[in-house]
Amino acid sequence: MKEHNTYDVYYDEEADFLEVSFETPAKEGTTEEIQEGVFVTRSIDTNNVSNIGILSFKKRVQVLKEVLASLNKKLPIEINLPSN
């Protein structure tokens, strides 16, 4: 899997939205909903995945691992939420 130099993880607790960025934002990109509530943005110039967004993240933490694996991506950290 390709390593990246820039990562950004943003979580909006009120909206329950997680966004993971793998590189500096693309000047131009396209976003595709690859499954309900899961969005992947790619750079128009390189077609590289620049970020992944997941709605209702608390209910679907496992989706991040599945999406990362399907896109051949990984993070240098593990993202988990405590069970309530």
Protein backbone atom coordinates (compact mmCIF):
# COMPACT_ATOMS: atom_id res chain seq x y z
CA MET A 1 0.00 0.00 0.00
CA LYS A 2 1.25 3.46 -0.86
CA GLU A 3 2.34 5.60 2.07
CA HIS A 4 1.37 9.26 2.27
CA ASN A 5 3.10 12.20 3.88
CA THR A 6 -0.02 14.17 4.72
CA TYR A 7 -3.02 12.95 6.68
CA ASP A 8 -5.91 14.84 8.19
CA VAL A 9 -8.74 13.32 10.20
CA TYR A 10 -11.75 15.50 10.90
CA TYR A 11 -14.80 14.43 12.89
CA ASP A 12 -17.95 16.52 13.32
CA GLU A 13 -19.64 15.05 16.38
CA GLU A 14 -22.92 16.93 15.91
CA ALA A 15 -23.30 15.74 12.31
CA ASP A 16 -21.59 12.37 13.03
CA PHE A 17 -19.42 12.84 9.94
CA LEU A 18 -15.84 11.60 9.58
CA GLU A 19 -13.52 12.82 6.87
CA VAL A 20 -10.05 11.40 6.24
CA SER A 21 -7.69 13.21 3.84
CA PHE A 22 -4.61 11.55 2.36
CA GLU A 23 -2.93 14.50 0.69
CA THR A 24 -3.26 18.21 0.32
CA PRO A 25 -6.66 19.06 -1.18
CA ALA A 26 -6.88 18.75 -4.94
CA LYS A 27 -7.40 21.96 -6.88
CA GLU A 28 -10.17 20.15 -8.73
CA GLY A 29 -11.78 16.87 -7.78
CA THR A 30 -14.74 14.63 -8.31
CA THR A 31 -16.73 13.05 -5.51
CA GLU A 32 -18.54 9.75 -5.84
CA GLU A 33 -20.90 8.14 -3.35
CA ILE A 34 -19.56 4.58 -3.39
CA GLN A 35 -22.22 3.33 -1.00
CA GLU A 36 -24.96 5.07 0.93
CA GLY A 37 -23.36 7.82 3.01
CA VAL A 38 -19.78 7.02 1.96
CA PHE A 39 -18.05 9.52 -0.32
CA VAL A 40 -14.69 9.29 -2.10
CA THR A 41 -13.06 12.34 -3.66
CA ARG A 42 -10.42 11.93 -6.35
CA SER A 43 -8.13 14.49 -7.94
CA ILE A 44 -9.13 15.23 -11.53
CA ASP A 45 -5.45 15.57 -12.53
CA THR A 46 -4.12 12.32 -11.02
CA ASN A 47 -7.26 10.29 -10.17
CA ASN A 48 -5.68 9.68 -6.73
CA VAL A 49 -8.05 9.38 -3.78
CA SER A 50 -7.66 12.60 -1.81
CA ASN A 51 -10.30 11.96 0.87
CA ILE A 52 -13.05 9.73 2.20
CA GLY A 53 -16.15 10.98 4.01
CA ILE A 54 -18.56 8.83 6.04
CA LEU A 55 -21.95 9.95 7.35
CA SER A 56 -23.39 8.30 10.50
CA PHE A 57 -19.88 7.21 11.40
CA LYS A 58 -20.59 6.09 14.98
CA LYS A 59 -22.98 3.43 13.68
CA ARG A 60 -20.59 2.34 10.93
CA VAL A 61 -17.03 2.45 12.23
CA GLN A 62 -16.20 -0.80 10.41
CA VAL A 63 -17.07 0.83 7.07
CA LEU A 64 -13.88 2.93 7.24
CA LYS A 65 -11.70 -0.19 7.40
CA GLU A 66 -13.60 -1.79 4.52
CA VAL A 67 -13.35 1.33 2.33
CA LEU A 68 -9.65 1.80 3.08
CA ALA A 69 -8.97 -1.83 2.14
CA SER A 70 -11.03 -1.58 -1.08
CA LEU A 71 -9.06 1.53 -2.12
CA ASN A 72 -5.70 0.02 -1.09
CA LYS A 73 -5.20 2.74 1.54
CA LYS A 74 -4.15 2.66 5.16
CA LEU A 75 -3.75 5.10 8.02
CA PRO A 76 -0.85 5.33 10.47
CA ILE A 77 -3.42 5.24 13.29
CA GLU A 78 -6.43 3.13 14.25
CA ILE A 79 -9.77 4.94 14.59
CA ASN A 80 -12.17 3.40 17.08
CA LEU A 81 -15.06 4.70 19.12
CA PRO A 82 -15.83 3.50 22.64
CA SER A 83 -18.94 1.36 22.87
CA ASN A 84 -21.76 2.97 24.85
